[in-house]
Protein backbone atom coordinates (compact mmCIF):
# COMPACT_ATOMS: atom_id res chain seq x y z
CA MET A 1 0.01 -0.02 0.03
CA ASN A 2 1.33 3.41 -1.00
CA ILE A 3 0.34 6.48 1.00
CA LEU A 4 1.04 10.24 -0.04
CA ILE A 5 0.94 12.96 2.56
CA ALA A 6 0.66 16.41 0.98
CA ASP A 7 1.16 19.15 3.66
CA ASP A 8 3.48 22.21 3.69
CA GLU A 9 3.64 22.07 7.54
CA ARG A 10 6.73 19.83 8.39
CA VAL A 11 5.58 18.95 11.89
CA ILE A 12 2.27 17.88 10.67
CA ARG A 13 3.61 15.97 7.64
CA GLU A 14 6.41 14.15 9.53
CA GLY A 15 4.21 13.52 12.43
CA ILE A 16 1.61 11.67 10.24
CA LYS A 17 4.37 9.78 8.47
CA ARG A 18 5.86 8.54 11.76
CA THR A 19 2.41 7.44 12.83
CA ILE A 20 1.69 5.40 9.74
CA ASN A 21 5.32 3.96 9.74
CA HIS A 22 4.65 2.74 13.28
CA LEU A 23 1.15 1.45 12.68
CA TYR A 24 1.83 -0.10 9.18
CA PRO A 25 5.54 -0.74 8.70
CA GLU A 26 4.96 -2.58 5.55
CA TYR A 27 3.25 0.49 3.73
CA GLN A 28 5.37 2.95 1.83
CA VAL A 29 4.82 6.68 2.77
CA PHE A 30 5.76 9.48 0.39
CA VAL A 31 5.63 13.15 1.40
CA ALA A 32 5.11 16.55 -0.61
CA THR A 33 5.26 20.02 0.72
CA ARG A 34 3.24 21.52 -2.28
CA ALA A 35 0.94 20.35 -5.22
CA GLU A 36 3.73 20.33 -7.79
CA GLU A 37 5.75 17.77 -5.54
CA ALA A 38 2.58 15.74 -5.08
CA VAL A 39 1.86 15.63 -8.76
CA LYS A 40 5.43 14.15 -9.30
CA VAL A 41 4.80 11.47 -6.74
CA LEU A 42 1.40 10.54 -8.42
CA GLU A 43 3.00 10.23 -11.77
CA GLU A 44 5.98 8.09 -10.56
CA GLN A 45 4.21 5.94 -7.94
CA ARG A 46 0.98 4.03 -7.65
CA ILE A 47 -0.57 5.87 -4.82
CA HIS A 48 -3.58 4.32 -3.08
CA ILE A 49 -4.37 6.98 -0.34
CA VAL A 50 -3.62 10.70 -0.34
CA LEU A 51 -3.83 12.79 2.62
CA THR A 52 -3.84 16.46 1.60
CA ASP A 53 -3.89 19.59 3.65
CA ILE A 54 -6.21 22.42 2.28
CA LEU A 55 -3.92 25.32 2.66
CA MET A 56 -0.89 24.66 0.55
CA PRO A 57 1.17 27.18 -1.40
CA GLY A 58 0.61 27.19 -5.17
CA MET A 59 -2.58 25.23 -5.16
CA ASN A 60 -4.89 24.52 -2.42
CA GLY A 61 -5.75 20.86 -1.41
CA LEU A 62 -9.35 20.82 -2.62
CA GLU A 63 -8.26 22.18 -6.04
CA PHE A 64 -5.51 19.62 -6.13
CA MET A 65 -7.97 16.88 -5.42
CA LYS A 66 -10.50 18.21 -8.05
CA ILE A 67 -7.79 18.34 -10.80
CA SER A 68 -6.37 14.81 -9.94
CA LYS A 69 -9.70 12.93 -9.70
CA ARG A 70 -10.14 12.34 -13.33
CA ARG A 71 -6.63 10.94 -13.93
CA TYR A 72 -6.39 8.85 -10.67
CA PRO A 73 -10.10 7.75 -10.05
CA TYR A 74 -8.98 4.82 -7.91
CA VAL A 75 -7.15 7.05 -5.23
CA LYS A 76 -8.80 7.45 -1.92
CA TRP A 77 -8.58 11.05 -0.57
CA ILE A 78 -8.47 12.23 2.93
CA VAL A 79 -8.55 16.00 3.60
CA ILE A 80 -6.76 17.41 6.60
CA SER A 81 -7.12 21.06 7.76
CA ALA A 82 -6.77 23.33 10.69
CA HIS A 83 -10.16 24.89 9.65
CA SER A 84 -13.45 23.63 11.04
CA GLU A 85 -15.66 25.63 8.70
CA PHE A 86 -18.48 23.51 7.48
CA SER A 87 -18.16 24.96 3.94
CA TYR A 88 -14.78 23.33 3.62
CA ALA A 89 -15.81 20.02 4.75
CA GLN A 90 -18.86 20.06 2.53
CA GLU A 91 -16.70 20.93 -0.48
CA ALA A 92 -14.28 18.11 0.41
CA ILE A 93 -17.03 15.43 0.59
CA ARG A 94 -18.62 16.79 -2.68
CA LEU A 95 -15.36 16.31 -4.47
CA GLY A 96 -15.08 12.68 -3.22
CA ALA A 97 -12.94 12.93 -0.06
CA ARG A 98 -13.52 9.90 2.22
CA ASP A 99 -12.95 11.97 5.37
CA TYR A 100 -12.33 15.49 6.63
CA LEU A 101 -9.72 15.52 9.58
CA LEU A 102 -8.91 18.47 11.89
CA LYS A 103 -5.46 19.13 12.97
CA PRO A 104 -3.89 17.86 15.21
CA ILE A 105 -4.93 14.27 13.96
CA GLY A 106 -5.40 11.69 16.70
CA LYS A 107 -3.61 8.43 16.17
CA ASN A 108 -6.68 6.30 16.78
CA LYS A 109 -8.95 8.29 14.16
CA LEU A 110 -6.08 8.01 11.54
CA GLU A 111 -5.72 4.22 12.23
CA GLU A 112 -9.49 3.75 11.87
CA ILE A 113 -9.70 5.66 8.49
CA ILE A 114 -6.55 3.80 7.07
CA ASN A 115 -7.95 0.43 8.13
CA ASN A 116 -11.29 1.12 6.49
CA LEU A 117 -9.79 2.34 3.23
CA THR A 118 -7.26 -0.62 3.09
CA LEU A 119 -10.39 -3.07 3.30
CA GLU A 120 -11.99 -1.12 0.42
CA ILE A 121 -8.86 -1.18 -1.71
CA GLN A 122 -8.29 -4.95 -0.94
CA LYS A 123 -11.88 -5.56 -2.23
CA ASP A 124 -11.17 -4.24 -5.58
CA ASN A 125 -10.93 -7.32 -7.70
CA ASP A 126 -8.12 -8.23 -9.89
CA ILE A 127 -10.31 -8.19 -13.05
CA SER A 128 -10.94 -4.54 -12.47
CA ARG A 129 -7.26 -3.71 -12.05
CA GLN A 130 -6.35 -5.60 -15.13
CA GLY A 131 -9.07 -3.74 -17.08
CA GLU A 132 -7.66 -0.52 -15.83
CA ARG A 133 -4.15 -1.47 -16.66
CA LEU A 134 -5.12 -2.49 -20.20
CA LYS A 135 -7.12 0.76 -20.62
CA ALA A 136 -4.13 2.82 -19.58
CA SER A 137 -1.84 0.84 -21.99
CA LEU A 138 -4.05 1.56 -24.92
CA ARG A 139 -4.26 5.27 -23.98
CA PHE A 140 -0.52 5.53 -23.87
CA LEU A 141 -0.15 3.76 -27.29
CA ARG A 142 -2.65 6.10 -28.85
CA GLU A 143 -1.39 9.31 -27.45
CA GLY A 144 2.23 8.06 -28.38
CA VAL A 145 1.21 7.44 -32.00
CA PHE A 146 -0.60 10.68 -32.19
CA GLN A 147 2.24 12.63 -30.77
CA ARG A 148 4.64 11.10 -33.46
CA LEU A 149 2.13 11.76 -36.17
CA ALA A 150 1.63 15.44 -35.12
CA SER A 151 5.38 16.01 -34.95
CA GLY A 152 5.80 14.81 -38.38
CA LEU A 153 7.72 11.72 -37.36
CA ASP A 154 7.56 8.24 -39.04
CA ILE A 155 4.97 5.84 -37.56
CA GLY A 156 6.21 2.92 -39.68
CA ASN A 157 3.72 0.51 -41.16
CA LEU A 158 1.29 0.97 -38.11
CA ASP A 159 -2.47 0.93 -39.31
CA ILE A 160 -3.90 3.95 -37.69
CA GLY A 161 -7.44 3.02 -39.06
CA PRO A 162 -8.82 1.71 -35.83
CA PHE A 163 -7.21 4.74 -34.08
CA ILE A 164 -8.95 7.42 -36.23
CA GLU A 165 -12.25 5.79 -36.98
CA ASP A 166 -13.99 7.80 -34.06
CA TYR A 167 -12.64 11.11 -35.55
CA HIS A 168 -14.31 11.80 -38.92
CA ASN A 169 -13.94 15.43 -38.18
CA PHE A 170 -11.82 17.25 -35.50
CA TYR A 171 -10.32 20.25 -34.07
CA LEU A 172 -6.66 20.71 -32.84
CA VAL A 173 -6.41 22.68 -29.57
CA MET A 174 -2.96 23.80 -28.57
CA VAL A 175 -2.03 25.19 -25.06
CA GLN A 176 1.47 26.71 -24.85
CA LEU A 177 3.05 27.63 -21.62
CA ASP A 178 5.68 30.13 -20.69
CA PRO A 179 7.46 28.70 -17.69
CA GLY A 180 10.56 30.61 -17.88
CA GLU A 181 13.29 28.94 -15.81
CA LYS A 182 10.85 27.05 -13.53
CA SER A 183 9.48 23.62 -13.85
CA ALA A 184 5.95 23.50 -15.54
CA ARG A 185 5.19 19.90 -14.25
CA LEU A 186 2.22 21.07 -12.20
CA GLU A 187 0.90 23.35 -14.97
CA HIS A 188 1.19 20.45 -17.48
CA PHE A 189 -0.83 18.39 -15.10
CA ILE A 190 -3.44 21.00 -14.71
CA VAL A 191 -3.86 21.71 -18.47
CA GLU A 192 -3.96 18.00 -19.40
CA ASN A 193 -6.74 17.33 -16.81
CA VAL A 194 -8.86 20.42 -17.42
CA LEU A 195 -8.73 20.08 -21.28
CA SER A 196 -9.52 16.39 -21.00
CA GLU A 197 -12.47 16.97 -18.81
CA LEU A 198 -13.84 19.67 -21.21
CA ILE A 199 -13.28 17.39 -24.11
CA GLU A 200 -15.42 14.65 -22.31
CA LEU A 201 -18.09 17.17 -21.47
CA HIS A 202 -18.43 18.52 -25.13
CA GLY A 203 -17.53 15.66 -27.25
CA ASN A 204 -14.74 13.18 -27.83
CA GLY A 205 -11.04 13.15 -28.01
CA PHE A 206 -7.83 13.21 -25.88
CA VAL A 207 -4.81 15.36 -24.84
CA VAL A 208 -1.00 14.57 -25.40
CA ASN A 209 1.91 16.40 -23.82
CA PHE A 210 3.57 17.68 -27.04
CA ASP A 211 6.74 19.05 -25.47
CA ARG A 212 7.92 20.87 -22.37
CA GLN A 213 5.86 24.05 -23.11
CA SER A 214 2.92 22.68 -25.25
CA LEU A 215 -0.05 20.35 -24.96
CA LEU A 216 -2.18 19.39 -27.95
CA GLY A 217 -5.73 18.29 -27.77
CA LEU A 218 -7.71 16.32 -30.45
CA VAL A 219 -11.34 17.43 -30.15
CA THR A 220 -14.46 16.15 -32.02
CA LEU A 221 -17.38 18.35 -30.66
CA ARG A 222 -21.00 17.15 -30.59
CA GLU A 223 -23.34 18.37 -33.24
CA ASN A 224 -24.10 22.12 -33.02
CA GLU A 225 -21.33 22.87 -30.63
CA ARG A 226 -18.65 25.41 -31.72
CA ILE A 227 -15.02 25.52 -31.05
CA GLU A 228 -14.97 29.31 -29.91
CA PRO A 229 -17.21 28.69 -26.68
CA PHE A 230 -15.10 25.69 -26.07
CA GLN A 231 -11.91 27.74 -26.22
CA GLU A 232 -13.33 30.37 -23.89
CA GLU A 233 -14.45 27.91 -21.49
CA LEU A 234 -10.90 26.42 -21.38
CA ARG A 235 -9.34 29.89 -21.04
CA ALA A 236 -11.66 30.64 -18.14
CA HIS A 237 -10.55 27.35 -16.24
CA LEU A 238 -6.93 27.92 -16.95
CA ASN A 239 -7.08 31.54 -15.93
CA HIS A 240 -8.42 30.15 -12.52
CA TYR A 241 -5.75 27.45 -12.10
CA LEU A 242 -2.52 28.59 -13.91
CA LYS A 243 0.05 31.06 -12.27
CA MET A 244 2.14 31.50 -15.51
CA PRO A 245 1.47 33.09 -18.87
CA PHE A 246 -0.04 30.89 -21.57
CA GLN A 247 -1.62 30.81 -25.05
CA ILE A 248 -4.46 28.97 -26.46
CA LEU A 249 -4.74 28.26 -30.30
CA HIS A 250 -7.01 26.02 -32.34
CA SER A 251 -7.27 24.91 -35.79
CA GLY A 252 -10.29 25.03 -38.21
CA LEU A 253 -12.47 22.04 -38.55
CA SER A 254 -10.28 19.23 -40.16
CA TYR A 255 -11.23 15.97 -41.96
CA ASP A 256 -7.96 14.55 -42.85
CA PHE A 257 -5.48 13.12 -40.37
CA ASN A 258 -2.74 13.34 -43.07
CA THR A 259 -2.82 17.14 -42.59
CA VAL A 260 -2.26 17.02 -38.89
CA PRO A 261 1.58 17.69 -39.10
CA GLN A 262 1.05 20.69 -41.40
CA VAL A 263 -1.62 22.12 -39.18
CA VAL A 264 0.40 21.68 -35.92
CA LYS A 265 3.44 23.32 -37.73
CA ARG A 266 1.20 26.33 -38.74
CA MET A 267 -0.12 26.55 -35.22
CA ARG A 268 3.36 26.63 -33.63
CA GLU A 269 4.45 29.42 -36.22
CA ALA A 270 1.45 31.34 -35.32
CA SER A 271 2.20 30.99 -31.60
CA ALA A 272 5.72 32.19 -32.25
CA SER A 273 4.48 35.35 -33.76
CA GLN A 274 2.33 36.28 -30.76
CA ALA A 275 3.13 37.47 -27.29
CA PHE A 276 2.36 35.22 -24.49
CA GLU A 277 -0.59 36.61 -22.57
CA ALA A 278 -0.35 37.02 -18.85
CA GLU A 279 -3.43 36.13 -17.02
CA PRO A 280 -5.89 38.98 -17.31
CA LEU A 281 -6.90 40.72 -14.11
CA LYS A 282 -10.22 38.73 -13.98
CA GLY A 283 -11.28 35.64 -12.43
CA SER A 284 -9.25 34.29 -9.56
CA GLY A 285 -6.34 36.66 -10.32
CA GLU A 286 -8.46 39.64 -9.45
CA LYS A 287 -9.95 38.07 -6.61
CA ALA A 288 -6.74 37.21 -5.22
CA ILE A 289 -5.67 40.77 -5.23
CA ASP A 290 -8.95 41.86 -3.58
CA VAL A 291 -8.58 39.35 -0.87
CA ALA A 292 -4.96 40.55 -0.37
CA LEU A 293 -5.99 44.20 -0.23
CA HIS A 294 -8.65 43.32 2.46
CA PHE A 295 -6.16 41.30 4.40
CA ILE A 296 -3.54 44.15 4.26
CA ARG A 297 -6.13 46.69 5.59
CA GLU A 298 -6.99 44.44 8.55
CA HIS A 299 -3.46 43.38 9.39
CA TYR A 300 -1.15 46.33 8.25
CA ASN A 301 0.42 46.31 11.76
CA GLU A 302 1.71 42.61 11.48
CA ASP A 303 4.55 40.99 9.52
CA LEU A 304 3.42 41.66 5.82
CA SER A 305 6.33 40.34 3.73
CA LEU A 306 5.67 39.78 0.06
CA GLU A 307 6.23 36.03 0.54
CA LYS A 308 3.81 35.86 3.35
CA MET A 309 1.14 37.70 1.60
CA ALA A 310 1.58 35.71 -1.63
CA SER A 311 1.10 32.53 0.41
CA VAL A 312 -2.15 33.89 1.92
CA VAL A 313 -3.70 34.02 -1.67
CA PHE A 314 -1.91 30.82 -2.96
CA LEU A 315 0.30 32.70 -5.56
CA ASN A 316 3.98 32.61 -6.09
CA PRO A 317 5.71 35.88 -4.83
CA ALA A 318 6.69 37.12 -8.26
CA TYR A 319 3.33 36.49 -9.98
CA PHE A 320 1.54 38.08 -6.92
CA SER A 321 3.80 41.12 -7.12
CA GLN A 322 3.00 41.49 -10.87
CA LEU A 323 -0.70 41.30 -10.35
CA PHE A 324 -0.62 43.56 -7.32
CA LYS A 325 1.08 46.45 -9.20
CA GLN A 326 -1.15 45.90 -12.27
CA LYS A 327 -4.19 46.15 -9.91
CA THR A 328 -3.13 48.95 -7.67
CA GLY A 329 -0.63 50.91 -9.76
CA GLN A 330 1.79 50.56 -6.85
CA GLY A 331 4.52 48.13 -5.77
CA TYR A 332 3.55 45.79 -2.94
CA LYS A 333 6.05 47.28 -0.41
CA GLU A 334 5.35 50.84 -1.56
CA TYR A 335 1.56 50.24 -0.99
CA VAL A 336 2.03 48.74 2.49
CA THR A 337 4.46 51.49 3.54
CA SER A 338 2.01 54.20 2.42
CA LEU A 339 -0.95 52.68 4.23
CA ARG A 340 0.94 52.32 7.44
CA LEU A 341 2.25 55.85 7.39
CA GLU A 342 -1.24 57.34 6.50
CA GLN A 343 -2.55 55.40 9.52
CA ALA A 344 0.31 56.88 11.62
CA LYS A 345 -0.76 60.43 10.57
CA LEU A 346 -4.23 59.77 11.92
CA LEU A 347 -2.79 58.40 15.27
CA LEU A 348 -0.54 61.28 15.63
CA LEU A 349 -3.52 63.62 16.13
CA ASN A 350 -4.22 61.92 19.30
CA PRO A 351 -1.89 63.54 21.92
CA LYS A 352 -2.31 60.67 24.47
CA LEU A 353 -0.42 58.33 22.18
CA LYS A 354 3.38 58.07 22.47
CA LEU A 355 5.40 57.91 19.34
CA ALA A 356 6.73 54.46 20.21
CA GLU A 357 3.22 53.17 20.62
CA ILE A 358 2.07 54.66 17.28
CA ALA A 359 5.10 53.05 15.56
CA GLU A 360 4.23 49.69 17.00
CA ARG A 361 0.54 50.13 16.09
CA VAL A 362 1.24 50.60 12.41
CA GLY A 363 3.86 47.78 12.23
CA TYR A 364 7.19 49.27 13.06
CA GLN A 365 9.12 47.84 16.01
CA ASP A 366 12.03 50.15 15.45
CA MET A 367 11.31 53.81 16.35
CA ARG A 368 14.24 55.05 14.30
CA HIS A 369 13.16 53.20 11.25
CA PHE A 370 9.57 54.63 11.47
CA THR A 371 10.93 58.15 11.89
CA GLN A 372 13.08 57.81 8.80
CA MET A 373 10.24 56.29 6.70
CA PHE A 374 7.66 59.00 7.92
CA ARG A 375 10.24 61.79 7.10
CA LYS A 376 10.93 60.35 3.61
CA LYS A 377 7.21 60.28 2.74
CA PHE A 378 6.08 63.56 4.24
CA GLN A 379 9.32 65.53 4.62
CA LEU A 380 8.57 65.95 8.31
CA THR A 381 9.40 63.89 11.47
CA PRO A 382 6.47 62.41 13.24
CA THR A 383 7.05 65.05 16.08
CA GLU A 384 7.19 67.96 13.61
CA TYR A 385 3.96 66.66 11.99
CA ARG A 386 2.27 66.51 15.33
CA GLN A 387 3.36 69.95 16.35
CA GLN A 388 2.32 71.41 12.98
CA GLN A 389 -1.08 69.78 13.28
CA ASN A 390 -1.51 71.08 16.71
CA ILE A 391 -0.78 74.63 15.65
CA ASN A 392 -3.31 74.29 12.74
CA ILE A 393 -5.87 73.15 15.25
CA LEU A 394 -5.06 76.11 17.61
CA LEU A 395 -5.18 78.51 14.70
CA THR A 396 -8.47 77.19 13.58
CA LYS A 397 -10.04 77.29 16.94
CA GLY A 398 -8.62 80.75 17.58
CA SER A 399 -9.87 82.24 14.26
CA PRO A 400 -12.40 85.13 14.54
CA PRO A 401 -15.80 84.38 13.19
CA GLN A 402 -16.49 85.39 9.68
């Protein structure tokens, strides 16, 4: 039995692993700190049970489970969380989680759940597993053949008639990613599963990983369905999940498989002539910044490093910084500093508050640093500003009636 624990908290992750190793020494336990690492384990190992935290950096546990369910339907999921909100548990169960555990997890409860799931897994009969393996083998063969065909490579004397008989007409849909220097393993996994699910929903077809940056979908739509709405639905889903720029291109309606290499070549040439689109400020990107702005206003006196704030809204820091400036017109650090110092100006009007207390209330533990930042922004020290405001108040109060 292979078990995967996906949780970014080392203490929780290692604690669960030690417990399982003690209770079930014959089981193999894998760990991951984020969704990208978990995807790698799922691809390389046959995992039977996944315990996933909800709040992980990059992609939360519920989204990770939703994306993975189609490709790994046999996996049993357990969601773990520090949050007891009913909505989280309700969504987890709706997505197919077998249980929802609150941290810290008791040894007896964990043992009970794993025992129950082990019995379920053992009841899966050999015929079902053999059928699953056969289906997977046929899928890999089909996708391998299509990938060679689309790349213009020789497929030898292989008869592709049975392979293409279900696709009398089809579209090609290409998604290209711009990962830069980072790995795109998680993004590939997301695109493959989202595109495959939409193909099943709207017609027939499959998806292949074309290269490091590209995935190619073969799509036969149902009668009266059009490729443009399909493409926009795909774009909306990818805008929600992907944290890197991407392109979506599609071919016209095709009837001849022999033209696939030429069509793919034209699509790649068209892609090269266009700039990659960063995620528009809509959907989850805009919502993430709205959440961040609300959080900053509520917690401006706490540690608000860029890295911490990005983790709150499940974005990597560089991408979060880009979206934040796009939304507010200010850099993240500049925005937080400005907010803190504007709050300090209001507090300085209260003569009962000491400067050190005001500095602490707006997030500065170092009085000297607070004074330097205030002077840099307003060309006055906090003391000079307070004195100036008191004079203005006195002048206003002492002014003769008009």
